[in-house]
Amino acid sequence: MQFWRETVNSATCKIWEPSNIYPSALLGTDVNIGTFCEIGKDVVIGDRTRIGAHSFIPEGVIIGNDVFIGPRVTFTNDKYPPSSPAGWEMIVVKDKAAIGAGSIILPNVFIGENALVGAGSVVTKSVPSREVWAGNPAKYLGNIEEISELRQSKEAKGDICNQRL
């Protein structure tokens, strides 16, 4: 914990060292931030959100409650680097969204409530609520219900290993 603001309750947040949290970042309760993360100036992270190791979250990012950000996720606020802060754009991640490991989220993107972004995706467009997107560039794969039904069907047929090794 290199930087803190008084509004952060260190008793309810877990920040694994080393990580760099700017003093102006606002963290909700029960936030968990993995090692080697950078949480920039004025970033807002909601309650019970998990940020995976090696993630980069710059100024202008707002993350809701109960969000999962996988390891090595990079948000970028600068479409035409290097530019001044006046040229930076916001990114918003709504409640209960999940972003898979190694994804890159470009500026001026909105990720909706309960949306899912697959690992390794490059998100260039906004992802609506309850939709699943993946790829480079990320494309629509289906809604959460369709993907869940497909998974359950494959599990019932034994096409997906449902046991831990």
C-alpha atoms as a PDB file:
ATOM      1  CA  MET A   1       0.000   0.000   0.000  1.00  0.00           C
ATOM      2  CA  GLN A   2       2.044   2.865  -1.295  1.00  0.00           C
ATOM      3  CA  PHE A   3      -0.615   5.573  -1.528  1.00  0.00           C
ATOM      4  CA  TRP A   4      -3.854   5.973   0.357  1.00  0.00           C
ATOM      5  CA  ARG A   5      -6.670   8.409   0.758  1.00  0.00           C
ATOM      6  CA  GLU A   6      -8.541   8.710   4.041  1.00  0.00           C
ATOM      7  CA  THR A   7     -11.787   7.575   2.381  1.00  0.00           C
ATOM      8  CA  VAL A   8     -10.240   4.152   1.744  1.00  0.00           C
ATOM      9  CA  ASN A   9     -10.932   1.723   4.560  1.00  0.00           C
ATOM     10  CA  SER A  10      -7.829  -0.454   4.617  1.00  0.00           C
ATOM     11  CA  ALA A  11      -9.596  -2.883   6.965  1.00  0.00           C
ATOM     12  CA  THR A  12     -12.028  -3.840   4.198  1.00  0.00           C
ATOM     13  CA  CYS A  13      -9.779  -3.538   1.118  1.00  0.00           C
ATOM     14  CA  LYS A  14      -7.008  -5.954   0.208  1.00  0.00           C
ATOM     15  CA  ILE A  15      -4.214  -4.428  -1.834  1.00  0.00           C
ATOM     16  CA  TRP A  16      -1.420  -6.857  -2.598  1.00  0.00           C
ATOM     17  CA  GLU A  17       2.019  -5.245  -2.741  1.00  0.00           C
ATOM     18  CA  PRO A  18       3.594  -3.879  -4.716  1.00  0.00           C
ATOM     19  CA  SER A  19       0.776  -1.893  -6.278  1.00  0.00           C
ATOM     20  CA  ASN A  20       0.455   1.816  -6.954  1.00  0.00           C
ATOM     21  CA  ILE A  21      -2.831   3.394  -5.901  1.00  0.00           C
ATOM     22  CA  TYR A  22      -3.036   7.136  -6.533  1.00  0.00           C
ATOM     23  CA  PRO A  23      -4.200   9.165  -3.520  1.00  0.00           C
ATOM     24  CA  SER A  24      -7.233  10.493  -5.400  1.00  0.00           C
ATOM     25  CA  ALA A  25      -8.508   7.014  -6.377  1.00  0.00           C
ATOM     26  CA  LEU A  26     -11.741   6.062  -4.635  1.00  0.00           C
ATOM     27  CA  LEU A  27     -12.077   2.426  -3.604  1.00  0.00           C
ATOM     28  CA  GLY A  28     -15.307   0.918  -2.313  1.00  0.00           C
ATOM     29  CA  THR A  29     -15.556  -1.615   0.497  1.00  0.00           C
ATOM     30  CA  ASP A  30     -14.169  -5.146   0.158  1.00  0.00           C
ATOM     31  CA  VAL A  31     -12.160  -4.307  -2.967  1.00  0.00           C
ATOM     32  CA  ASN A  32      -9.318  -6.714  -3.777  1.00  0.00           C
ATOM     33  CA  ILE A  33      -6.405  -5.459  -5.905  1.00  0.00           C
ATOM     34  CA  GLY A  34      -3.739  -7.913  -7.064  1.00  0.00           C
ATOM     35  CA  THR A  35       0.021  -7.355  -7.136  1.00  0.00           C
ATOM     36  CA  PHE A  36       1.709  -4.957  -9.550  1.00  0.00           C
ATOM     37  CA  CYS A  37      -1.465  -2.984 -10.341  1.00  0.00           C
ATOM     38  CA  GLU A  38      -1.589   0.691 -11.223  1.00  0.00           C
ATOM     39  CA  ILE A  39      -4.775   2.503 -10.186  1.00  0.00           C
ATOM     40  CA  GLY A  40      -4.607   6.040 -11.555  1.00  0.00           C
ATOM     41  CA  LYS A  41      -5.723   9.485 -10.540  1.00  0.00           C
ATOM     42  CA  ASP A  42      -9.446   9.848  -9.746  1.00  0.00           C
ATOM     43  CA  VAL A  43     -10.289   6.240 -10.707  1.00  0.00           C
ATOM     44  CA  VAL A  44     -13.472   4.997  -9.014  1.00  0.00           C
ATOM     45  CA  ILE A  45     -13.813   1.309  -8.070  1.00  0.00           C
ATOM     46  CA  GLY A  46     -17.077   0.055  -6.572  1.00  0.00           C
ATOM     47  CA  ASP A  47     -17.730  -2.313  -3.681  1.00  0.00           C
ATOM     48  CA  ARG A  48     -16.640  -5.977  -3.786  1.00  0.00           C
ATOM     49  CA  THR A  49     -14.724  -5.543  -7.042  1.00  0.00           C
ATOM     50  CA  ARG A  50     -11.695  -7.734  -7.817  1.00  0.00           C
ATOM     51  CA  ILE A  51      -8.798  -6.386  -9.881  1.00  0.00           C
ATOM     52  CA  GLY A  52      -6.356  -9.076 -11.053  1.00  0.00           C
ATOM     53  CA  ALA A  53      -2.567  -8.777 -10.836  1.00  0.00           C
ATOM     54  CA  HIS A  54      -0.639  -6.628 -13.336  1.00  0.00           C
ATOM     55  CA  SER A  55      -3.709  -4.592 -14.355  1.00  0.00           C
ATOM     56  CA  PHE A  56      -3.452  -0.962 -15.480  1.00  0.00           C
ATOM     57  CA  ILE A  57      -6.351   1.404 -14.806  1.00  0.00           C
ATOM     58  CA  PRO A  58      -5.626   5.044 -15.715  1.00  0.00           C
ATOM     59  CA  GLU A  59      -7.411   8.295 -14.990  1.00  0.00           C
ATOM     60  CA  GLY A  60     -10.961   8.477 -16.336  1.00  0.00           C
ATOM     61  CA  VAL A  61     -12.059   4.926 -15.515  1.00  0.00           C
ATOM     62  CA  ILE A  62     -15.152   4.214 -13.414  1.00  0.00           C
ATOM     63  CA  ILE A  63     -15.775   0.620 -12.326  1.00  0.00           C
ATOM     64  CA  GLY A  64     -19.018  -0.442 -10.640  1.00  0.00           C
ATOM     65  CA  ASN A  65     -19.833  -2.881  -7.848  1.00  0.00           C
ATOM     66  CA  ASP A  66     -19.180  -6.647  -7.945  1.00  0.00           C
ATOM     67  CA  VAL A  67     -17.001  -6.400 -11.069  1.00  0.00           C
ATOM     68  CA  PHE A  68     -14.294  -8.924 -11.961  1.00  0.00           C
ATOM     69  CA  ILE A  69     -11.235  -7.613 -13.812  1.00  0.00           C
ATOM     70  CA  GLY A  70      -8.903 -10.489 -14.700  1.00  0.00           C
ATOM     71  CA  PRO A  71      -5.113 -10.338 -14.490  1.00  0.00           C
ATOM     72  CA  ARG A  72      -3.162  -8.205 -16.990  1.00  0.00           C
ATOM     73  CA  VAL A  73      -6.201  -6.209 -18.121  1.00  0.00           C
ATOM     74  CA  THR A  74      -5.205  -2.844 -19.581  1.00  0.00           C
ATOM     75  CA  PHE A  75      -7.514   0.140 -19.853  1.00  0.00           C
ATOM     76  CA  THR A  76      -6.271   2.978 -22.033  1.00  0.00           C
ATOM     77  CA  ASN A  77      -7.737   6.471 -21.966  1.00  0.00           C
ATOM     78  CA  ASP A  78      -5.651   7.912 -24.808  1.00  0.00           C
ATOM     79  CA  LYS A  79      -6.765   7.093 -28.359  1.00  0.00           C
ATOM     80  CA  TYR A  80      -3.916   9.061 -29.996  1.00  0.00           C
ATOM     81  CA  PRO A  81      -0.915   8.945 -27.649  1.00  0.00           C
ATOM     82  CA  PRO A  82       0.778  10.882 -26.414  1.00  0.00           C
ATOM     83  CA  SER A  83      -1.796  13.554 -25.767  1.00  0.00           C
ATOM     84  CA  SER A  84      -2.612  15.866 -22.899  1.00  0.00           C
ATOM     85  CA  PRO A  85      -5.312  14.999 -20.354  1.00  0.00           C
ATOM     86  CA  ALA A  86      -7.713  17.174 -22.357  1.00  0.00           C
ATOM     87  CA  GLY A  87      -7.631  14.492 -25.085  1.00  0.00           C
ATOM     88  CA  TRP A  88      -8.226  11.537 -22.774  1.00  0.00           C
ATOM     89  CA  GLU A  89     -11.564   9.735 -22.843  1.00  0.00           C
ATOM     90  CA  MET A  90     -13.520   7.902 -20.144  1.00  0.00           C
ATOM     91  CA  ILE A  91     -14.262   4.208 -19.745  1.00  0.00           C
ATOM     92  CA  VAL A  92     -17.188   2.952 -17.655  1.00  0.00           C
ATOM     93  CA  VAL A  93     -17.656  -0.621 -16.437  1.00  0.00           C
ATOM     94  CA  LYS A  94     -21.094  -1.211 -14.908  1.00  0.00           C
ATOM     95  CA  ASP A  95     -22.038  -3.485 -11.984  1.00  0.00           C
ATOM     96  CA  LYS A  96     -21.400  -7.242 -12.158  1.00  0.00           C
ATOM     97  CA  ALA A  97     -19.475  -7.099 -15.435  1.00  0.00           C
ATOM     98  CA  ALA A  98     -16.503  -9.442 -15.952  1.00  0.00           C
ATOM     99  CA  ILE A  99     -13.419  -8.828 -18.094  1.00  0.00           C
ATOM    100  CA  GLY A 100     -11.172 -11.794 -18.870  1.00  0.00           C
ATOM    101  CA  ALA A 101      -7.391 -11.925 -18.443  1.00  0.00           C
ATOM    102  CA  GLY A 102      -5.183  -9.997 -20.830  1.00  0.00           C
ATOM    103  CA  SER A 103      -7.971  -7.914 -22.349  1.00  0.00           C
ATOM    104  CA  ILE A 104      -7.390  -4.383 -23.608  1.00  0.00           C
ATOM    105  CA  ILE A 105     -10.155  -1.813 -23.207  1.00  0.00           C
ATOM    106  CA  LEU A 106      -9.816   1.195 -25.513  1.00  0.00           C
ATOM    107  CA  PRO A 107     -11.022   4.741 -24.724  1.00  0.00           C
ATOM    108  CA  ASN A 108     -14.632   5.893 -24.845  1.00  0.00           C
ATOM    109  CA  VAL A 109     -16.013   2.408 -24.137  1.00  0.00           C
ATOM    110  CA  PHE A 110     -18.963   1.501 -21.923  1.00  0.00           C
ATOM    111  CA  ILE A 111     -19.218  -2.077 -20.623  1.00  0.00           C
ATOM    112  CA  GLY A 112     -22.767  -2.780 -19.494  1.00  0.00           C
ATOM    113  CA  GLU A 113     -24.169  -4.456 -16.405  1.00  0.00           C
ATOM    114  CA  ASN A 114     -23.581  -8.242 -16.274  1.00  0.00           C
ATOM    115  CA  ALA A 115     -21.588  -8.087 -19.531  1.00  0.00           C
ATOM    116  CA  LEU A 116     -18.769 -10.563 -20.153  1.00  0.00           C
ATOM    117  CA  VAL A 117     -15.585  -9.856 -22.119  1.00  0.00           C
ATOM    118  CA  GLY A 118     -13.565 -12.952 -23.027  1.00  0.00           C
ATOM    119  CA  ALA A 119      -9.869 -13.309 -22.193  1.00  0.00           C
ATOM    120  CA  GLY A 120      -7.444 -11.650 -24.592  1.00  0.00           C
ATOM    121  CA  SER A 121     -10.079  -9.434 -26.189  1.00  0.00           C
ATOM    122  CA  VAL A 122      -9.458  -5.984 -27.606  1.00  0.00           C
ATOM    123  CA  VAL A 123     -12.581  -3.968 -26.869  1.00  0.00           C
ATOM    124  CA  THR A 124     -12.983  -1.128 -29.368  1.00  0.00           C
ATOM    125  CA  LYS A 125     -16.773  -0.629 -29.035  1.00  0.00           C
ATOM    126  CA  SER A 126     -19.200  -0.476 -26.138  1.00  0.00           C
ATOM    127  CA  VAL A 127     -20.504  -3.807 -24.849  1.00  0.00           C
ATOM    128  CA  PRO A 128     -24.225  -3.736 -23.971  1.00  0.00           C
ATOM    129  CA  SER A 129     -25.575  -5.175 -20.718  1.00  0.00           C
ATOM    130  CA  ARG A 130     -25.885  -8.987 -20.489  1.00  0.00           C
ATOM    131  CA  GLU A 131     -23.889  -9.592 -23.676  1.00  0.00           C
ATOM    132  CA  VAL A 132     -20.775 -11.727 -24.236  1.00  0.00           C
ATOM    133  CA  TRP A 133     -18.031 -10.317 -26.462  1.00  0.00           C
ATOM    134  CA  ALA A 134     -14.601 -11.727 -27.334  1.00  0.00           C
ATOM    135  CA  GLY A 135     -11.843 -11.541 -29.931  1.00  0.00           C
ATOM    136  CA  ASN A 136      -9.564  -9.024 -31.581  1.00  0.00           C
ATOM    137  CA  PRO A 137     -11.419  -6.821 -32.148  1.00  0.00           C
ATOM    138  CA  ALA A 138     -14.064  -8.023 -29.701  1.00  0.00           C
ATOM    139  CA  LYS A 139     -17.341  -9.068 -31.346  1.00  0.00           C
ATOM    140  CA  TYR A 140     -20.746 -10.102 -30.075  1.00  0.00           C
ATOM    141  CA  LEU A 141     -20.986 -13.856 -29.323  1.00  0.00           C
ATOM    142  CA  GLY A 142     -24.385 -14.003 -27.653  1.00  0.00           C
ATOM    143  CA  ASN A 143     -26.215 -12.947 -24.547  1.00  0.00           C
ATOM    144  CA  ILE A 144     -25.434 -14.285 -21.079  1.00  0.00           C
ATOM    145  CA  GLU A 145     -28.477 -16.586 -21.086  1.00  0.00           C
ATOM    146  CA  GLU A 146     -27.586 -18.173 -24.467  1.00  0.00           C
ATOM    147  CA  ILE A 147     -23.994 -18.776 -23.456  1.00  0.00           C
ATOM    148  CA  SER A 148     -25.075 -20.203 -20.091  1.00  0.00           C
ATOM    149  CA  GLU A 149     -27.536 -22.589 -21.787  1.00  0.00           C
ATOM    150  CA  LEU A 150     -24.866 -23.707 -24.267  1.00  0.00           C
ATOM    151  CA  ARG A 151     -22.432 -24.371 -21.448  1.00  0.00           C
ATOM    152  CA  GLN A 152     -25.004 -26.358 -19.452  1.00  0.00           C
ATOM    153  CA  SER A 153     -25.870 -28.400 -22.533  1.00  0.00           C
ATOM    154  CA  LYS A 154     -22.217 -29.248 -23.178  1.00  0.00           C
ATOM    155  CA  GLU A 155     -21.660 -30.111 -19.500  1.00  0.00           C
ATOM    156  CA  ALA A 156     -24.666 -32.461 -19.566  1.00  0.00           C
ATOM    157  CA  LYS A 157     -23.190 -34.225 -22.622  1.00  0.00           C
ATOM    158  CA  GLY A 158     -19.759 -34.433 -20.977  1.00  0.00           C
ATOM    159  CA  ASP A 159     -18.190 -32.091 -23.564  1.00  0.00           C
ATOM    160  CA  ILE A 160     -16.809 -29.846 -20.833  1.00  0.00           C
ATOM    161  CA  CYS A 161     -14.780 -31.141 -17.926  1.00  0.00           C
ATOM    162  CA  ASN A 162     -16.625 -30.022 -14.831  1.00  0.00           C
ATOM    163  CA  GLN A 163     -14.173 -31.373 -12.283  1.00  0.00           C
ATOM    164  CA  ARG A 164     -11.093 -29.868 -10.717  1.00  0.00           C
ATOM    165  CA  LEU A 165      -7.862 -31.766 -11.127  1.00  0.00           C
END
